[in-house]
Amino acid sequence: MQELILFFKGLIIGVGKIIPGVSGSLLAISLGVYEKSLEKIENLFKDFGNNIRFLLPLGLGIVFSVLIGSKVLLYFFETYYIYTVVFFIGLILGTVPSIITNNKKNYKDWIIICFIFALMFFLYTKVNLQEFVPENNFINYIYIVFLGIIDALTMVMPGISGTATYMMLGSYNFILNLFANPFLHIGYCILFGIGLLFGTVFTIKLVNLCFKKYSQITWDVILAFLFSSIFFLFLKIVDLINRTNIFSLILLFVIGFFLISLTNKD
């Protein structure tokens, strides 16, 4: 039963890699498996049997969601865009009460959260670099490795939008083309993969260290990312809300919000 629940949670987390603006790591936090997953990945071989029993069904759920369920999920996203986004806003926001309850906040914490939120807002709305056009030189090769590191960072760190980050760096079209035609850009893919591998290992170790030594401020940063993620999702749909859909949207928000409490009872 435990494995089935983990597989189901993996299915939900996998959505974060499919739907733009939804963070898989935020959904992992919402489902109560984020911190535990990082710890088990970092210490995989110390207790291999128990760690793999936890990570395998979760990972299979993520892979199944991305590879098999992507067409279904994208259908709902493309056909019922506003309803899908509101459901995931409820899903993500549903984790806030437990985070605040388990990590008591004082005014200093809220100052940190507001500052990081404002910084994220400025970066994603005001900073836009020139479009990246790859050239065959050493500087460009290093930059592509850096883009792989960024991808790892946005996957592991909750609430950081990979799409928004690549747009800010002027690299979104390059990344889309790289993923769409990997066999035409083998060299670039290898460089990107090196950055992704290094960035994943480094980020997991960094986040685990932060949880162990700076737990309170780490949760402050995560909350700030979480609020900014919700805010940017809301900006995408605010113009689509009207009298005819408001009731359905509220209902989907409530379902998403309370689904978290049900899935955490494991």
C-alpha atoms as a PDB file:
ATOM      1  CA  MET A   1       0.000   0.000   0.000  1.00  0.00           C
ATOM      2  CA  GLN A   2       2.864   2.350   0.856  1.00  0.00           C
ATOM      3  CA  GLU A   3       4.439   1.727  -2.566  1.00  0.00           C
ATOM      4  CA  LEU A   4       1.118   2.449  -4.318  1.00  0.00           C
ATOM      5  CA  ILE A   5       0.766   5.766  -2.478  1.00  0.00           C
ATOM      6  CA  LEU A   6       4.338   6.711  -3.429  1.00  0.00           C
ATOM      7  CA  PHE A   7       3.625   5.815  -7.067  1.00  0.00           C
ATOM      8  CA  PHE A   8       0.507   8.011  -7.005  1.00  0.00           C
ATOM      9  CA  LYS A   9       2.509  10.882  -5.528  1.00  0.00           C
ATOM     10  CA  GLY A  10       5.104  10.380  -8.263  1.00  0.00           C
ATOM     11  CA  LEU A  11       2.350  10.743 -10.865  1.00  0.00           C
ATOM     12  CA  ILE A  12       1.411  14.130  -9.408  1.00  0.00           C
ATOM     13  CA  ILE A  13       5.035  15.291  -9.125  1.00  0.00           C
ATOM     14  CA  GLY A  14       5.636  14.335 -12.757  1.00  0.00           C
ATOM     15  CA  VAL A  15       3.069  16.932 -13.757  1.00  0.00           C
ATOM     16  CA  GLY A  16       5.543  19.589 -12.634  1.00  0.00           C
ATOM     17  CA  LYS A  17       7.806  18.660 -15.558  1.00  0.00           C
ATOM     18  CA  ILE A  18       4.925  18.805 -18.049  1.00  0.00           C
ATOM     19  CA  ILE A  19       2.872  21.880 -17.212  1.00  0.00           C
ATOM     20  CA  PRO A  20       4.632  25.271 -17.486  1.00  0.00           C
ATOM     21  CA  GLY A  21       4.627  27.249 -14.249  1.00  0.00           C
ATOM     22  CA  VAL A  22       4.112  24.221 -12.009  1.00  0.00           C
ATOM     23  CA  SER A  23       7.146  23.123  -9.992  1.00  0.00           C
ATOM     24  CA  GLY A  24       7.625  19.386  -9.467  1.00  0.00           C
ATOM     25  CA  SER A  25       9.644  20.018  -6.306  1.00  0.00           C
ATOM     26  CA  LEU A  26       6.852  22.214  -4.916  1.00  0.00           C
ATOM     27  CA  LEU A  27       4.393  19.407  -5.547  1.00  0.00           C
ATOM     28  CA  ALA A  28       6.815  17.050  -3.779  1.00  0.00           C
ATOM     29  CA  ILE A  29       6.727  19.372  -0.763  1.00  0.00           C
ATOM     30  CA  SER A  30       2.942  19.501  -0.987  1.00  0.00           C
ATOM     31  CA  LEU A  31       2.860  15.693  -0.902  1.00  0.00           C
ATOM     32  CA  GLY A  32       5.314  15.428   1.989  1.00  0.00           C
ATOM     33  CA  VAL A  33       8.113  13.578   0.139  1.00  0.00           C
ATOM     34  CA  TYR A  34      10.554  16.344  -0.834  1.00  0.00           C
ATOM     35  CA  GLU A  35      12.926  16.484   2.140  1.00  0.00           C
ATOM     36  CA  LYS A  36      12.857  12.702   2.610  1.00  0.00           C
ATOM     37  CA  SER A  37      13.631  12.102  -1.078  1.00  0.00           C
ATOM     38  CA  LEU A  38      16.676  14.392  -1.018  1.00  0.00           C
ATOM     39  CA  GLU A  39      18.023  12.648   2.074  1.00  0.00           C
ATOM     40  CA  LYS A  40      17.549   9.185   0.587  1.00  0.00           C
ATOM     41  CA  ILE A  41      19.171  10.158  -2.733  1.00  0.00           C
ATOM     42  CA  GLU A  42      22.199  11.638  -0.954  1.00  0.00           C
ATOM     43  CA  ASN A  43      22.567   8.548   1.259  1.00  0.00           C
ATOM     44  CA  LEU A  44      21.437   6.005  -1.334  1.00  0.00           C
ATOM     45  CA  PHE A  45      24.076   3.347  -0.619  1.00  0.00           C
ATOM     46  CA  LYS A  46      24.086   3.680   3.179  1.00  0.00           C
ATOM     47  CA  ASP A  47      20.750   1.849   3.433  1.00  0.00           C
ATOM     48  CA  PHE A  48      20.234   0.833  -0.185  1.00  0.00           C
ATOM     49  CA  GLY A  49      17.295  -1.540   0.346  1.00  0.00           C
ATOM     50  CA  ASN A  50      15.062   0.839   2.286  1.00  0.00           C
ATOM     51  CA  ASN A  51      16.086   3.846   0.191  1.00  0.00           C
ATOM     52  CA  ILE A  52      15.339   2.127  -3.105  1.00  0.00           C
ATOM     53  CA  ARG A  53      11.966   0.877  -1.798  1.00  0.00           C
ATOM     54  CA  PHE A  54      11.039   4.497  -1.247  1.00  0.00           C
ATOM     55  CA  LEU A  55      12.617   6.044  -4.340  1.00  0.00           C
ATOM     56  CA  LEU A  56      11.723   3.383  -6.936  1.00  0.00           C
ATOM     57  CA  PRO A  57       7.884   3.636  -6.831  1.00  0.00           C
ATOM     58  CA  LEU A  58       8.129   7.421  -6.531  1.00  0.00           C
ATOM     59  CA  GLY A  59      10.502   7.601  -9.509  1.00  0.00           C
ATOM     60  CA  LEU A  60       8.402   5.199 -11.574  1.00  0.00           C
ATOM     61  CA  GLY A  61       5.356   7.372 -10.948  1.00  0.00           C
ATOM     62  CA  ILE A  62       7.253  10.459 -12.125  1.00  0.00           C
ATOM     63  CA  VAL A  63       8.564   8.718 -15.261  1.00  0.00           C
ATOM     64  CA  PHE A  64       5.135   7.218 -16.040  1.00  0.00           C
ATOM     65  CA  SER A  65       3.498  10.626 -15.634  1.00  0.00           C
ATOM     66  CA  VAL A  66       6.002  12.346 -17.930  1.00  0.00           C
ATOM     67  CA  LEU A  67       6.234   9.683 -20.647  1.00  0.00           C
ATOM     68  CA  ILE A  68       2.797   8.044 -20.633  1.00  0.00           C
ATOM     69  CA  GLY A  69       0.463  10.548 -19.028  1.00  0.00           C
ATOM     70  CA  SER A  70       1.852  13.668 -20.667  1.00  0.00           C
ATOM     71  CA  LYS A  71      -0.613  13.618 -23.570  1.00  0.00           C
ATOM     72  CA  VAL A  72      -3.615  13.337 -21.229  1.00  0.00           C
ATOM     73  CA  LEU A  73      -2.305  16.035 -18.893  1.00  0.00           C
ATOM     74  CA  LEU A  74      -1.405  18.343 -21.749  1.00  0.00           C
ATOM     75  CA  TYR A  75      -4.879  17.805 -23.215  1.00  0.00           C
ATOM     76  CA  PHE A  76      -6.455  19.115 -20.005  1.00  0.00           C
ATOM     77  CA  PHE A  77      -3.913  21.919 -19.829  1.00  0.00           C
ATOM     78  CA  GLU A  78      -4.561  23.018 -23.410  1.00  0.00           C
ATOM     79  CA  THR A  79      -8.334  22.413 -23.416  1.00  0.00           C
ATOM     80  CA  TYR A  80      -9.177  23.487 -19.860  1.00  0.00           C
ATOM     81  CA  TYR A  81      -6.240  25.797 -19.203  1.00  0.00           C
ATOM     82  CA  ILE A  82      -7.683  28.029 -16.491  1.00  0.00           C
ATOM     83  CA  TYR A  83      -9.320  25.131 -14.610  1.00  0.00           C
ATOM     84  CA  THR A  84      -6.107  23.099 -14.605  1.00  0.00           C
ATOM     85  CA  VAL A  85      -4.015  26.052 -13.399  1.00  0.00           C
ATOM     86  CA  VAL A  86      -6.471  26.860 -10.589  1.00  0.00           C
ATOM     87  CA  PHE A  87      -6.465  23.218  -9.462  1.00  0.00           C
ATOM     88  CA  PHE A  88      -2.676  23.278  -9.168  1.00  0.00           C
ATOM     89  CA  ILE A  89      -2.721  26.634  -7.402  1.00  0.00           C
ATOM     90  CA  GLY A  90      -4.937  24.977  -4.800  1.00  0.00           C
ATOM     91  CA  LEU A  91      -2.630  21.961  -4.706  1.00  0.00           C
ATOM     92  CA  ILE A  92       0.477  24.087  -4.131  1.00  0.00           C
ATOM     93  CA  LEU A  93      -1.178  26.527  -1.710  1.00  0.00           C
ATOM     94  CA  GLY A  94      -2.506  23.590   0.291  1.00  0.00           C
ATOM     95  CA  THR A  95       0.953  22.944   1.697  1.00  0.00           C
ATOM     96  CA  VAL A  96       1.346  26.432   3.217  1.00  0.00           C
ATOM     97  CA  PRO A  97      -0.567  25.778   6.493  1.00  0.00           C
ATOM     98  CA  SER A  98       1.552  22.724   7.368  1.00  0.00           C
ATOM     99  CA  ILE A  99       4.814  24.543   6.529  1.00  0.00           C
ATOM    100  CA  ILE A 100       3.872  27.515   8.693  1.00  0.00           C
ATOM    101  CA  THR A 101       2.597  25.275  11.513  1.00  0.00           C
ATOM    102  CA  ASN A 102       5.779  23.173  11.544  1.00  0.00           C
ATOM    103  CA  ASN A 103       8.063  26.200  11.156  1.00  0.00           C
ATOM    104  CA  LYS A 104       6.895  29.042  13.370  1.00  0.00           C
ATOM    105  CA  LYS A 105       7.452  32.443  11.759  1.00  0.00           C
ATOM    106  CA  ASN A 106       8.385  35.745  13.370  1.00  0.00           C
ATOM    107  CA  TYR A 107       8.552  39.174  11.765  1.00  0.00           C
ATOM    108  CA  LYS A 108      12.171  38.622  10.637  1.00  0.00           C
ATOM    109  CA  ASP A 109      11.127  35.511   8.729  1.00  0.00           C
ATOM    110  CA  TRP A 110       8.351  37.399   6.946  1.00  0.00           C
ATOM    111  CA  ILE A 111      10.797  40.215   6.031  1.00  0.00           C
ATOM    112  CA  ILE A 112      13.074  37.599   4.394  1.00  0.00           C
ATOM    113  CA  ILE A 113      10.108  36.024   2.592  1.00  0.00           C
ATOM    114  CA  CYS A 114       8.864  39.396   1.289  1.00  0.00           C
ATOM    115  CA  PHE A 115      12.368  40.425   0.158  1.00  0.00           C
ATOM    116  CA  ILE A 116      12.949  37.204  -1.806  1.00  0.00           C
ATOM    117  CA  PHE A 117       9.438  37.413  -3.309  1.00  0.00           C
ATOM    118  CA  ALA A 118      10.135  40.978  -4.473  1.00  0.00           C
ATOM    119  CA  LEU A 119      13.499  39.897  -5.913  1.00  0.00           C
ATOM    120  CA  MET A 120      11.895  37.019  -7.827  1.00  0.00           C
ATOM    121  CA  PHE A 121       9.214  39.380  -9.162  1.00  0.00           C
ATOM    122  CA  PHE A 122      11.867  41.854 -10.354  1.00  0.00           C
ATOM    123  CA  LEU A 123      14.015  39.183 -12.014  1.00  0.00           C
ATOM    124  CA  TYR A 124      11.165  37.490 -13.871  1.00  0.00           C
ATOM    125  CA  THR A 125       9.401  40.662 -15.003  1.00  0.00           C
ATOM    126  CA  LYS A 126      12.214  43.189 -15.530  1.00  0.00           C
ATOM    127  CA  VAL A 127      15.351  41.261 -16.511  1.00  0.00           C
ATOM    128  CA  ASN A 128      15.506  39.930 -20.082  1.00  0.00           C
ATOM    129  CA  LEU A 129      18.866  39.179 -21.692  1.00  0.00           C
ATOM    130  CA  GLN A 130      19.460  38.999 -25.432  1.00  0.00           C
ATOM    131  CA  GLU A 131      18.516  35.798 -27.242  1.00  0.00           C
ATOM    132  CA  PHE A 132      21.272  33.199 -26.905  1.00  0.00           C
ATOM    133  CA  VAL A 133      22.588  31.983 -30.273  1.00  0.00           C
ATOM    134  CA  PRO A 134      25.161  29.185 -29.790  1.00  0.00           C
ATOM    135  CA  GLU A 135      28.546  29.438 -31.465  1.00  0.00           C
ATOM    136  CA  ASN A 136      31.363  26.921 -31.504  1.00  0.00           C
ATOM    137  CA  ASN A 137      33.698  28.510 -28.993  1.00  0.00           C
ATOM    138  CA  PHE A 138      34.826  27.744 -25.450  1.00  0.00           C
ATOM    139  CA  ILE A 139      32.720  30.469 -23.786  1.00  0.00           C
ATOM    140  CA  ASN A 140      29.533  29.129 -25.386  1.00  0.00           C
ATOM    141  CA  TYR A 141      30.375  25.577 -24.338  1.00  0.00           C
ATOM    142  CA  ILE A 142      30.782  26.691 -20.726  1.00  0.00           C
ATOM    143  CA  TYR A 143      27.491  28.598 -20.950  1.00  0.00           C
ATOM    144  CA  ILE A 144      25.631  25.481 -22.154  1.00  0.00           C
ATOM    145  CA  VAL A 145      27.052  23.553 -19.164  1.00  0.00           C
ATOM    146  CA  PHE A 146      25.782  26.431 -17.010  1.00  0.00           C
ATOM    147  CA  LEU A 147      22.304  26.062 -18.540  1.00  0.00           C
ATOM    148  CA  GLY A 148      22.339  22.398 -17.493  1.00  0.00           C
ATOM    149  CA  ILE A 149      23.201  23.458 -13.946  1.00  0.00           C
ATOM    150  CA  ILE A 150      20.289  25.924 -14.044  1.00  0.00           C
ATOM    151  CA  ASP A 151      17.947  23.116 -15.135  1.00  0.00           C
ATOM    152  CA  ALA A 152      19.068  21.008 -12.164  1.00  0.00           C
ATOM    153  CA  LEU A 153      18.657  23.957  -9.808  1.00  0.00           C
ATOM    154  CA  THR A 154      15.113  24.681 -10.999  1.00  0.00           C
ATOM    155  CA  MET A 155      14.198  20.983 -10.685  1.00  0.00           C
ATOM    156  CA  VAL A 156      15.489  20.545  -7.129  1.00  0.00           C
ATOM    157  CA  MET A 157      14.768  23.988  -5.646  1.00  0.00           C
ATOM    158  CA  PRO A 158      11.019  24.396  -5.004  1.00  0.00           C
ATOM    159  CA  GLY A 159       9.129  27.179  -6.720  1.00  0.00           C
ATOM    160  CA  ILE A 160      11.794  28.332  -9.179  1.00  0.00           C
ATOM    161  CA  SER A 161      10.277  28.323 -12.648  1.00  0.00           C
ATOM    162  CA  GLY A 162      12.661  26.809 -15.191  1.00  0.00           C
ATOM    163  CA  THR A 163      10.647  28.310 -18.058  1.00  0.00           C
ATOM    164  CA  ALA A 164      10.744  31.825 -16.583  1.00  0.00           C
ATOM    165  CA  THR A 165      14.461  31.511 -15.763  1.00  0.00           C
ATOM    166  CA  TYR A 166      15.383  30.469 -19.309  1.00  0.00           C
ATOM    167  CA  MET A 167      13.263  33.295 -20.734  1.00  0.00           C
ATOM    168  CA  MET A 168      15.072  35.745 -18.446  1.00  0.00           C
ATOM    169  CA  LEU A 169      18.443  34.401 -19.676  1.00  0.00           C
ATOM    170  CA  GLY A 170      17.344  34.565 -23.330  1.00  0.00           C
ATOM    171  CA  SER A 171      17.891  30.802 -23.656  1.00  0.00           C
ATOM    172  CA  TYR A 172      14.337  29.454 -23.789  1.00  0.00           C
ATOM    173  CA  ASN A 173      14.235  28.917 -27.566  1.00  0.00           C
ATOM    174  CA  PHE A 174      17.666  27.274 -27.503  1.00  0.00           C
ATOM    175  CA  ILE A 175      16.542  24.823 -24.804  1.00  0.00           C
ATOM    176  CA  LEU A 176      13.290  24.040 -26.636  1.00  0.00           C
ATOM    177  CA  ASN A 177      15.200  23.324 -29.834  1.00  0.00           C
ATOM    178  CA  LEU A 178      17.734  21.225 -27.954  1.00  0.00           C
ATOM    179  CA  PHE A 179      15.019  19.028 -26.404  1.00  0.00           C
ATOM    180  CA  ALA A 180      13.030  18.819 -29.645  1.00  0.00           C
ATOM    181  CA  ASN A 181      16.017  17.781 -31.789  1.00  0.00           C
ATOM    182  CA  PRO A 182      18.555  16.103 -29.471  1.00  0.00           C
ATOM    183  CA  PHE A 183      20.151  13.958 -32.202  1.00  0.00           C
ATOM    184  CA  LEU A 184      20.929  17.049 -34.262  1.00  0.00           C
ATOM    185  CA  HIS A 185      22.799  18.603 -31.334  1.00  0.00           C
ATOM    186  CA  ILE A 186      24.610  15.679 -29.695  1.00  0.00           C
ATOM    187  CA  GLY A 187      27.551  17.797 -28.590  1.00  0.00           C
ATOM    188  CA  TYR A 188      25.333  20.435 -26.993  1.00  0.00           C
ATOM    189  CA  CYS A 189      23.277  17.695 -25.304  1.00  0.00           C
ATOM    190  CA  ILE A 190      26.425  16.170 -23.786  1.00  0.00           C
ATOM    191  CA  LEU A 191      27.514  19.551 -22.434  1.00  0.00           C
ATOM    192  CA  PHE A 192      24.018  20.235 -21.099  1.00  0.00           C
ATOM    193  CA  GLY A 193      23.933  16.754 -19.525  1.00  0.00           C
ATOM    194  CA  ILE A 194      27.271  17.346 -17.773  1.00  0.00           C
ATOM    195  CA  GLY A 195      25.879  20.515 -16.233  1.00  0.00           C
ATOM    196  CA  LEU A 196      22.618  18.784 -15.333  1.00  0.00           C
ATOM    197  CA  LEU A 197      24.413  15.889 -13.596  1.00  0.00           C
ATOM    198  CA  PHE A 198      26.834  18.140 -11.718  1.00  0.00           C
ATOM    199  CA  GLY A 199      24.084  20.592 -10.815  1.00  0.00           C
ATOM    200  CA  THR A 200      21.760  17.866  -9.511  1.00  0.00           C
ATOM    201  CA  VAL A 201      24.421  16.336  -7.235  1.00  0.00           C
ATOM    202  CA  PHE A 202      25.571  19.754  -6.013  1.00  0.00           C
ATOM    203  CA  THR A 203      22.076  21.154  -5.455  1.00  0.00           C
ATOM    204  CA  ILE A 204      20.870  18.078  -3.546  1.00  0.00           C
ATOM    205  CA  LYS A 205      23.901  18.250  -1.261  1.00  0.00           C
ATOM    206  CA  LEU A 206      23.450  22.014  -0.809  1.00  0.00           C
ATOM    207  CA  VAL A 207      19.724  21.768  -0.014  1.00  0.00           C
ATOM    208  CA  ASN A 208      20.314  18.895   2.426  1.00  0.00           C
ATOM    209  CA  LEU A 209      23.036  20.925   4.151  1.00  0.00           C
ATOM    210  CA  CYS A 210      20.709  23.927   4.363  1.00  0.00           C
ATOM    211  CA  PHE A 211      17.940  21.808   5.901  1.00  0.00           C
ATOM    212  CA  LYS A 212      20.328  20.387   8.488  1.00  0.00           C
ATOM    213  CA  LYS A 213      22.128  23.606   9.475  1.00  0.00           C
ATOM    214  CA  TYR A 214      19.782  26.421   8.450  1.00  0.00           C
ATOM    215  CA  SER A 215      16.362  24.798   8.521  1.00  0.00           C
ATOM    216  CA  GLN A 216      14.366  27.912   9.418  1.00  0.00           C
ATOM    217  CA  ILE A 217      15.792  30.219   6.772  1.00  0.00           C
ATOM    218  CA  THR A 218      15.641  27.399   4.177  1.00  0.00           C
ATOM    219  CA  TRP A 219      11.902  27.076   4.746  1.00  0.00           C
ATOM    220  CA  ASP A 220      11.624  30.886   4.544  1.00  0.00           C
ATOM    221  CA  VAL A 221      13.253  30.799   1.100  1.00  0.00           C
ATOM    222  CA  ILE A 222      11.015  27.902   0.003  1.00  0.00           C
ATOM    223  CA  LEU A 223       7.909  29.777   1.151  1.00  0.00           C
ATOM    224  CA  ALA A 224       9.023  32.851  -0.795  1.00  0.00           C
ATOM    225  CA  PHE A 225       9.534  30.731  -3.922  1.00  0.00           C
ATOM    226  CA  LEU A 226       6.179  29.055  -3.305  1.00  0.00           C
ATOM    227  CA  PHE A 227       4.318  32.377  -3.046  1.00  0.00           C
ATOM    228  CA  SER A 228       6.065  33.738  -6.137  1.00  0.00           C
ATOM    229  CA  SER A 229       5.162  30.581  -8.082  1.00  0.00           C
ATOM    230  CA  ILE A 230       1.501  30.934  -7.104  1.00  0.00           C
ATOM    231  CA  PHE A 231       1.572  34.638  -7.967  1.00  0.00           C
ATOM    232  CA  PHE A 232       2.981  34.036 -11.458  1.00  0.00           C
ATOM    233  CA  LEU A 233       0.444  31.268 -12.087  1.00  0.00           C
ATOM    234  CA  PHE A 234      -2.353  33.597 -11.019  1.00  0.00           C
ATOM    235  CA  LEU A 235      -1.111  36.327 -13.379  1.00  0.00           C
ATOM    236  CA  LYS A 236      -1.479  33.861 -16.263  1.00  0.00           C
ATOM    237  CA  ILE A 237      -5.200  33.356 -15.622  1.00  0.00           C
ATOM    238  CA  VAL A 238      -6.503  36.521 -13.957  1.00  0.00           C
ATOM    239  CA  ASP A 239      -7.852  37.924 -17.247  1.00  0.00           C
ATOM    240  CA  LEU A 240      -9.730  34.665 -17.922  1.00  0.00           C
ATOM    241  CA  ILE A 241     -11.780  34.696 -14.705  1.00  0.00           C
ATOM    242  CA  ASN A 242     -15.424  35.729 -15.173  1.00  0.00           C
ATOM    243  CA  ARG A 243     -18.901  35.161 -13.766  1.00  0.00           C
ATOM    244  CA  THR A 244     -19.508  32.008 -15.782  1.00  0.00           C
ATOM    245  CA  ASN A 245     -16.501  30.100 -14.435  1.00  0.00           C
ATOM    246  CA  ILE A 246     -15.931  31.542 -10.958  1.00  0.00           C
ATOM    247  CA  PHE A 247     -17.901  28.832  -9.117  1.00  0.00           C
ATOM    248  CA  SER A 248     -16.140  25.981 -10.933  1.00  0.00           C
ATOM    249  CA  LEU A 249     -12.768  27.596 -10.292  1.00  0.00           C
ATOM    250  CA  ILE A 250     -13.451  27.945  -6.569  1.00  0.00           C
ATOM    251  CA  LEU A 251     -14.556  24.305  -6.408  1.00  0.00           C
ATOM    252  CA  LEU A 252     -11.395  23.080  -8.185  1.00  0.00           C
ATOM    253  CA  PHE A 253      -9.229  25.255  -5.951  1.00  0.00           C
ATOM    254  CA  VAL A 254     -10.833  23.743  -2.831  1.00  0.00           C
ATOM    255  CA  ILE A 255     -10.435  20.190  -4.190  1.00  0.00           C
ATOM    256  CA  GLY A 256      -6.752  20.805  -4.919  1.00  0.00           C
ATOM    257  CA  PHE A 257      -6.217  22.446  -1.531  1.00  0.00           C
ATOM    258  CA  PHE A 258      -7.751  19.610   0.501  1.00  0.00           C
ATOM    259  CA  LEU A 259      -6.308  16.816  -1.670  1.00  0.00           C
ATOM    260  CA  ILE A 260      -2.944  17.495  -0.022  1.00  0.00           C
ATOM    261  CA  SER A 261      -4.199  16.659   3.470  1.00  0.00           C
ATOM    262  CA  LEU A 262      -5.633  13.363   2.185  1.00  0.00           C
ATOM    263  CA  THR A 263      -2.468  12.250   0.355  1.00  0.00           C
ATOM    264  CA  ASN A 264      -0.320  13.051   3.370  1.00  0.00           C
ATOM    265  CA  LYS A 265      -2.147  10.524   5.535  1.00  0.00           C
ATOM    266  CA  ASP A 266       0.244   7.674   4.826  1.00  0.00           C
END
